[in-house]
Amino acid sequence: MLLSLFSLQYLYGQTPLSLIKEKYGELDSIQYLNDLNEAVFQSVIRDFGEPLEDHIKERTNSIRNGISGQTIKFVLNVEIDTAKLYTDSCLIIKDFRFNFNIYCYDSKLNPTYYVFFVDNQLDIYGTIYPTYSKRYAKQVKFAIRQIIGKDPQYILECAHLPNTILYVKDDNIFVYRVLQKEIYQLNDYVAKFKDSKYFYVRQ
């Protein structure tokens, strides 16, 4: 599909914020959850070369049980264009079918279950945020709880920006630094940290 090869803002000249709003406006949350069956099916073919029923059933049940009865936030995957760090258009949103991760949380805003997608494919899912650091795992749960508590318009995930969760509040894009518990507007964050060693991580 042609659109998947380019970021939509390159094609239509949209700002990241307007495109974020558009993507959320197009989101049919019920249909997206129903389409998880297709994402699971494709992930099993990717991993095993054929649609093995036992693996399809196991993955489907795990995800369905994990999100059942939980409050859900749909978290839009974004990327960053390092060639445009000095502009207001450094975020990229690609036109993928599965472009939203899923964060589930309880009545106290504690994260309870995650479903992640990478490049339009089902990736990691489960009760634990994917990280090798116990400290980060603890702090990211606190960060998510804090962000949800702010009642943001949207939450964003940028895998290329380590130690961050992005969110939109009052039509401004913010970056929450997880370990430091610091909050910056996106442009201020880029200006301050763009030259630091771990600002950007290639996947």
C-alpha atoms as a PDB file:
ATOM      1  CA  MET A   1       0.000   0.000   0.000  1.00  0.00           C
ATOM      2  CA  LEU A   2       1.511   3.298  -1.104  1.00  0.00           C
ATOM      3  CA  LEU A   3       0.495   5.273   1.970  1.00  0.00           C
ATOM      4  CA  SER A   4       2.369   2.917   4.257  1.00  0.00           C
ATOM      5  CA  LEU A   5       5.655   3.950   2.624  1.00  0.00           C
ATOM      6  CA  PHE A   6       5.348   7.586   3.533  1.00  0.00           C
ATOM      7  CA  SER A   7       4.283   9.579   6.518  1.00  0.00           C
ATOM      8  CA  LEU A   8       0.938  11.187   5.869  1.00  0.00           C
ATOM      9  CA  GLN A   9       2.135  14.658   6.789  1.00  0.00           C
ATOM     10  CA  TYR A  10       4.629  14.485   3.920  1.00  0.00           C
ATOM     11  CA  LEU A  11       1.794  13.742   1.521  1.00  0.00           C
ATOM     12  CA  TYR A  12      -0.701  16.255   2.801  1.00  0.00           C
ATOM     13  CA  GLY A  13       1.388  18.829   4.672  1.00  0.00           C
ATOM     14  CA  GLN A  14      -0.432  18.283   7.959  1.00  0.00           C
ATOM     15  CA  THR A  15       1.068  19.184  11.304  1.00  0.00           C
ATOM     16  CA  PRO A  16       1.701  16.314  13.723  1.00  0.00           C
ATOM     17  CA  LEU A  17      -1.028  17.544  16.067  1.00  0.00           C
ATOM     18  CA  SER A  18      -3.653  17.761  13.328  1.00  0.00           C
ATOM     19  CA  LEU A  19      -2.722  14.300  12.103  1.00  0.00           C
ATOM     20  CA  ILE A  20      -2.846  12.878  15.635  1.00  0.00           C
ATOM     21  CA  LYS A  21      -6.345  14.295  16.002  1.00  0.00           C
ATOM     22  CA  GLU A  22      -7.316  12.856  12.635  1.00  0.00           C
ATOM     23  CA  LYS A  23      -6.030   9.378  13.499  1.00  0.00           C
ATOM     24  CA  TYR A  24      -7.941   9.337  16.777  1.00  0.00           C
ATOM     25  CA  GLY A  25     -11.010  10.674  15.011  1.00  0.00           C
ATOM     26  CA  GLU A  26     -10.849   7.738  12.605  1.00  0.00           C
ATOM     27  CA  LEU A  27     -10.394   5.172  15.380  1.00  0.00           C
ATOM     28  CA  ASP A  28     -13.320   2.796  15.817  1.00  0.00           C
ATOM     29  CA  SER A  29     -12.371   1.342  19.186  1.00  0.00           C
ATOM     30  CA  ILE A  30     -14.833  -1.555  19.069  1.00  0.00           C
ATOM     31  CA  GLN A  31     -13.729  -2.572  15.585  1.00  0.00           C
ATOM     32  CA  TYR A  32     -10.076  -2.217  16.565  1.00  0.00           C
ATOM     33  CA  LEU A  33     -10.551  -4.639  19.454  1.00  0.00           C
ATOM     34  CA  ASN A  34     -12.414  -7.044  17.182  1.00  0.00           C
ATOM     35  CA  ASP A  35      -9.559  -6.851  14.684  1.00  0.00           C
ATOM     36  CA  LEU A  36      -7.135  -8.151  17.308  1.00  0.00           C
ATOM     37  CA  ASN A  37      -8.116 -11.622  16.117  1.00  0.00           C
ATOM     38  CA  GLU A  38      -6.599 -10.836  12.729  1.00  0.00           C
ATOM     39  CA  ALA A  39      -3.477  -9.389  14.364  1.00  0.00           C
ATOM     40  CA  VAL A  40      -3.028 -12.587  16.375  1.00  0.00           C
ATOM     41  CA  PHE A  41      -3.561 -14.740  13.282  1.00  0.00           C
ATOM     42  CA  GLN A  42      -0.928 -12.817  11.342  1.00  0.00           C
ATOM     43  CA  SER A  43       1.520 -12.930  14.264  1.00  0.00           C
ATOM     44  CA  VAL A  44       1.324 -16.720  14.443  1.00  0.00           C
ATOM     45  CA  ILE A  45       1.992 -17.023  10.706  1.00  0.00           C
ATOM     46  CA  ARG A  46       4.943 -14.636  11.104  1.00  0.00           C
ATOM     47  CA  ASP A  47       6.422 -16.616  13.996  1.00  0.00           C
ATOM     48  CA  PHE A  48       5.708 -20.184  12.861  1.00  0.00           C
ATOM     49  CA  GLY A  49       5.138 -19.981   9.117  1.00  0.00           C
ATOM     50  CA  GLU A  50       1.620 -21.371   9.362  1.00  0.00           C
ATOM     51  CA  PRO A  51      -1.619 -20.667  11.296  1.00  0.00           C
ATOM     52  CA  LEU A  52      -1.187 -23.091  14.188  1.00  0.00           C
ATOM     53  CA  GLU A  53      -4.536 -23.255  15.975  1.00  0.00           C
ATOM     54  CA  ASP A  54      -3.142 -23.874  19.475  1.00  0.00           C
ATOM     55  CA  HIS A  55      -0.953 -20.776  19.302  1.00  0.00           C
ATOM     56  CA  ILE A  56      -3.749 -18.670  17.846  1.00  0.00           C
ATOM     57  CA  LYS A  57      -6.063 -19.761  20.645  1.00  0.00           C
ATOM     58  CA  GLU A  58      -3.442 -19.187  23.357  1.00  0.00           C
ATOM     59  CA  ARG A  59      -2.582 -15.681  22.181  1.00  0.00           C
ATOM     60  CA  THR A  60      -6.189 -14.713  21.590  1.00  0.00           C
ATOM     61  CA  ASN A  61      -7.282 -15.915  25.030  1.00  0.00           C
ATOM     62  CA  SER A  62      -4.360 -14.202  26.742  1.00  0.00           C
ATOM     63  CA  ILE A  63      -5.169 -10.850  25.173  1.00  0.00           C
ATOM     64  CA  ARG A  64      -8.932 -11.155  25.587  1.00  0.00           C
ATOM     65  CA  ASN A  65      -8.593 -12.120  29.256  1.00  0.00           C
ATOM     66  CA  GLY A  66      -6.054  -9.355  29.816  1.00  0.00           C
ATOM     67  CA  ILE A  67      -8.239  -6.544  28.505  1.00  0.00           C
ATOM     68  CA  SER A  68     -11.596  -7.910  29.685  1.00  0.00           C
ATOM     69  CA  GLY A  69     -13.260  -5.681  32.263  1.00  0.00           C
ATOM     70  CA  GLN A  70     -10.460  -3.107  32.166  1.00  0.00           C
ATOM     71  CA  THR A  71     -10.537   0.539  31.203  1.00  0.00           C
ATOM     72  CA  ILE A  72      -8.618   0.987  27.971  1.00  0.00           C
ATOM     73  CA  LYS A  73      -6.480   3.757  26.539  1.00  0.00           C
ATOM     74  CA  PHE A  74      -5.541   3.589  22.885  1.00  0.00           C
ATOM     75  CA  VAL A  75      -1.962   4.824  22.525  1.00  0.00           C
ATOM     76  CA  LEU A  76      -0.903   6.027  19.089  1.00  0.00           C
ATOM     77  CA  ASN A  77       2.502   4.915  17.810  1.00  0.00           C
ATOM     78  CA  VAL A  78       4.567   7.781  16.448  1.00  0.00           C
ATOM     79  CA  GLU A  79       8.082   8.066  15.080  1.00  0.00           C
ATOM     80  CA  ILE A  80      10.554  10.922  15.005  1.00  0.00           C
ATOM     81  CA  ASP A  81      12.262  12.401  11.962  1.00  0.00           C
ATOM     82  CA  THR A  82      15.791  13.307  13.048  1.00  0.00           C
ATOM     83  CA  ALA A  83      16.164  15.473   9.938  1.00  0.00           C
ATOM     84  CA  LYS A  84      13.381  17.747  11.177  1.00  0.00           C
ATOM     85  CA  LEU A  85      14.321  18.242  14.816  1.00  0.00           C
ATOM     86  CA  TYR A  86      14.459  21.997  14.351  1.00  0.00           C
ATOM     87  CA  THR A  87      10.908  22.176  13.037  1.00  0.00           C
ATOM     88  CA  ASP A  88       7.423  21.653  14.433  1.00  0.00           C
ATOM     89  CA  SER A  89       7.024  18.576  12.231  1.00  0.00           C
ATOM     90  CA  CYS A  90       9.518  16.147  13.746  1.00  0.00           C
ATOM     91  CA  LEU A  91       6.857  13.570  14.622  1.00  0.00           C
ATOM     92  CA  ILE A  92       5.800  11.054  11.990  1.00  0.00           C
ATOM     93  CA  ILE A  93       2.606   8.996  12.008  1.00  0.00           C
ATOM     94  CA  LYS A  94       2.466   6.197   9.462  1.00  0.00           C
ATOM     95  CA  ASP A  95      -0.751   4.903   7.973  1.00  0.00           C
ATOM     96  CA  PHE A  96      -0.869   1.453   9.532  1.00  0.00           C
ATOM     97  CA  ARG A  97      -3.967  -0.591  10.281  1.00  0.00           C
ATOM     98  CA  PHE A  98      -2.620  -1.482  13.728  1.00  0.00           C
ATOM     99  CA  ASN A  99      -1.188   1.852  14.780  1.00  0.00           C
ATOM    100  CA  PHE A 100      -2.463   1.933  18.355  1.00  0.00           C
ATOM    101  CA  ASN A 101      -1.027   0.171  21.365  1.00  0.00           C
ATOM    102  CA  ILE A 102      -3.438  -0.683  24.164  1.00  0.00           C
ATOM    103  CA  TYR A 103      -2.947   0.287  27.802  1.00  0.00           C
ATOM    104  CA  CYS A 104      -5.396  -1.165  30.318  1.00  0.00           C
ATOM    105  CA  TYR A 105      -5.730   0.195  33.834  1.00  0.00           C
ATOM    106  CA  ASP A 106      -7.799  -0.259  36.976  1.00  0.00           C
ATOM    107  CA  SER A 107      -9.940   2.128  39.031  1.00  0.00           C
ATOM    108  CA  LYS A 108      -6.818   3.542  40.716  1.00  0.00           C
ATOM    109  CA  LEU A 109      -5.236   4.216  37.311  1.00  0.00           C
ATOM    110  CA  ASN A 110      -2.670   1.448  37.802  1.00  0.00           C
ATOM    111  CA  PRO A 111      -1.632  -0.166  34.491  1.00  0.00           C
ATOM    112  CA  THR A 112      -2.783  -3.776  34.343  1.00  0.00           C
ATOM    113  CA  TYR A 113      -2.204  -5.016  30.791  1.00  0.00           C
ATOM    114  CA  TYR A 114      -0.455  -3.930  27.603  1.00  0.00           C
ATOM    115  CA  VAL A 115      -0.708  -4.799  23.922  1.00  0.00           C
ATOM    116  CA  PHE A 116       2.018  -3.405  21.669  1.00  0.00           C
ATOM    117  CA  PHE A 117       2.265  -3.188  17.893  1.00  0.00           C
ATOM    118  CA  VAL A 118       5.418  -2.550  15.862  1.00  0.00           C
ATOM    119  CA  ASP A 119       5.270  -1.748  12.145  1.00  0.00           C
ATOM    120  CA  ASN A 120       1.667  -2.902  11.851  1.00  0.00           C
ATOM    121  CA  GLN A 121       2.313  -6.236  13.584  1.00  0.00           C
ATOM    122  CA  LEU A 122       1.411  -7.579  17.003  1.00  0.00           C
ATOM    123  CA  ASP A 123       4.470  -7.444  19.239  1.00  0.00           C
ATOM    124  CA  ILE A 124       4.669  -7.867  23.021  1.00  0.00           C
ATOM    125  CA  TYR A 125       1.567  -8.248  25.182  1.00  0.00           C
ATOM    126  CA  GLY A 126       1.022  -9.007  28.847  1.00  0.00           C
ATOM    127  CA  THR A 127       0.851  -7.574  32.356  1.00  0.00           C
ATOM    128  CA  ILE A 128       4.442  -6.306  32.422  1.00  0.00           C
ATOM    129  CA  TYR A 129       5.737  -3.305  30.490  1.00  0.00           C
ATOM    130  CA  PRO A 130       8.499  -4.617  28.176  1.00  0.00           C
ATOM    131  CA  THR A 131      11.838  -3.581  29.682  1.00  0.00           C
ATOM    132  CA  TYR A 132      14.949  -5.250  31.077  1.00  0.00           C
ATOM    133  CA  SER A 133      15.156  -2.792  33.979  1.00  0.00           C
ATOM    134  CA  LYS A 134      13.170  -3.432  37.155  1.00  0.00           C
ATOM    135  CA  ARG A 135      13.598   0.210  38.091  1.00  0.00           C
ATOM    136  CA  TYR A 136      12.205   1.360  34.768  1.00  0.00           C
ATOM    137  CA  ALA A 137       9.325  -1.113  34.981  1.00  0.00           C
ATOM    138  CA  LYS A 138       8.336   0.421  38.312  1.00  0.00           C
ATOM    139  CA  GLN A 139       8.789   4.000  37.174  1.00  0.00           C
ATOM    140  CA  VAL A 140       6.926   3.570  33.901  1.00  0.00           C
ATOM    141  CA  LYS A 141       3.857   2.333  35.767  1.00  0.00           C
ATOM    142  CA  PHE A 142       4.041   5.470  37.913  1.00  0.00           C
ATOM    143  CA  ALA A 143       4.468   7.596  34.780  1.00  0.00           C
ATOM    144  CA  ILE A 144       1.463   6.066  33.046  1.00  0.00           C
ATOM    145  CA  ARG A 145      -0.642   6.544  36.153  1.00  0.00           C
ATOM    146  CA  GLN A 146       0.424  10.185  36.385  1.00  0.00           C
ATOM    147  CA  ILE A 147      -0.319  10.843  32.730  1.00  0.00           C
ATOM    148  CA  ILE A 148      -3.730   9.175  32.808  1.00  0.00           C
ATOM    149  CA  GLY A 149      -4.506  11.230  35.905  1.00  0.00           C
ATOM    150  CA  LYS A 150      -3.957  14.400  33.872  1.00  0.00           C
ATOM    151  CA  ASP A 151      -6.867  13.342  31.632  1.00  0.00           C
ATOM    152  CA  PRO A 152      -4.914  13.943  28.415  1.00  0.00           C
ATOM    153  CA  GLN A 153      -6.539  14.210  25.028  1.00  0.00           C
ATOM    154  CA  TYR A 154      -4.239  11.493  23.708  1.00  0.00           C
ATOM    155  CA  ILE A 155      -1.284   9.345  24.758  1.00  0.00           C
ATOM    156  CA  LEU A 156       1.519   8.615  22.299  1.00  0.00           C
ATOM    157  CA  GLU A 157       4.273   6.000  22.159  1.00  0.00           C
ATOM    158  CA  CYS A 158       7.593   6.669  20.418  1.00  0.00           C
ATOM    159  CA  ALA A 159       9.837   3.610  20.547  1.00  0.00           C
ATOM    160  CA  HIS A 160      12.754   5.643  19.194  1.00  0.00           C
ATOM    161  CA  LEU A 161      12.699   8.031  22.165  1.00  0.00           C
ATOM    162  CA  PRO A 162      13.817   6.006  25.198  1.00  0.00           C
ATOM    163  CA  ASN A 163      12.709   6.885  28.708  1.00  0.00           C
ATOM    164  CA  THR A 164       9.673   8.788  27.455  1.00  0.00           C
ATOM    165  CA  ILE A 165       5.925   8.733  27.142  1.00  0.00           C
ATOM    166  CA  LEU A 166       4.282  11.433  25.068  1.00  0.00           C
ATOM    167  CA  TYR A 167       0.829  12.869  25.529  1.00  0.00           C
ATOM    168  CA  VAL A 168      -1.374  15.682  24.281  1.00  0.00           C
ATOM    169  CA  LYS A 169      -3.022  18.093  26.687  1.00  0.00           C
ATOM    170  CA  ASP A 170      -4.735  21.361  25.745  1.00  0.00           C
ATOM    171  CA  ASP A 171      -3.522  20.871  22.164  1.00  0.00           C
ATOM    172  CA  ASN A 172       0.129  20.773  23.253  1.00  0.00           C
ATOM    173  CA  ILE A 173       2.411  17.756  22.868  1.00  0.00           C
ATOM    174  CA  PHE A 174       4.303  16.918  26.046  1.00  0.00           C
ATOM    175  CA  VAL A 175       7.141  14.526  26.811  1.00  0.00           C
ATOM    176  CA  TYR A 176       7.247  12.795  30.193  1.00  0.00           C
ATOM    177  CA  ARG A 177      10.756  11.607  31.112  1.00  0.00           C
ATOM    178  CA  VAL A 178      10.037   8.413  32.988  1.00  0.00           C
ATOM    179  CA  LEU A 179      13.025   8.013  35.300  1.00  0.00           C
ATOM    180  CA  GLN A 180      13.422  11.720  36.031  1.00  0.00           C
ATOM    181  CA  LYS A 181       9.683  12.411  36.380  1.00  0.00           C
ATOM    182  CA  GLU A 182      10.171  15.550  34.297  1.00  0.00           C
ATOM    183  CA  ILE A 183       7.728  17.036  31.804  1.00  0.00           C
ATOM    184  CA  TYR A 184       8.620  19.132  28.768  1.00  0.00           C
ATOM    185  CA  GLN A 185       6.763  20.426  25.782  1.00  0.00           C
ATOM    186  CA  LEU A 186       7.987  18.455  22.780  1.00  0.00           C
ATOM    187  CA  ASN A 187       9.929  21.305  21.171  1.00  0.00           C
ATOM    188  CA  ASP A 188      11.635  22.144  24.466  1.00  0.00           C
ATOM    189  CA  TYR A 189      12.512  18.493  25.029  1.00  0.00           C
ATOM    190  CA  VAL A 190      14.055  18.178  21.578  1.00  0.00           C
ATOM    191  CA  ALA A 191      16.009  21.417  21.966  1.00  0.00           C
ATOM    192  CA  LYS A 192      17.438  20.360  25.329  1.00  0.00           C
ATOM    193  CA  PHE A 193      18.240  16.694  24.699  1.00  0.00           C
ATOM    194  CA  LYS A 194      18.717  16.252  20.933  1.00  0.00           C
ATOM    195  CA  ASP A 195      22.511  16.126  21.282  1.00  0.00           C
ATOM    196  CA  SER A 196      22.552  13.766  24.254  1.00  0.00           C
ATOM    197  CA  LYS A 197      23.823  10.202  23.809  1.00  0.00           C
ATOM    198  CA  TYR A 198      20.523   8.416  24.359  1.00  0.00           C
ATOM    199  CA  PHE A 199      18.125  10.925  22.823  1.00  0.00           C
ATOM    200  CA  TYR A 200      17.309   8.637  19.896  1.00  0.00           C
ATOM    201  CA  VAL A 201      17.498   4.853  19.649  1.00  0.00           C
ATOM    202  CA  ARG A 202      17.240   3.040  16.334  1.00  0.00           C
ATOM    203  CA  GLN A 203      15.028  -0.043  16.327  1.00  0.00           C
END
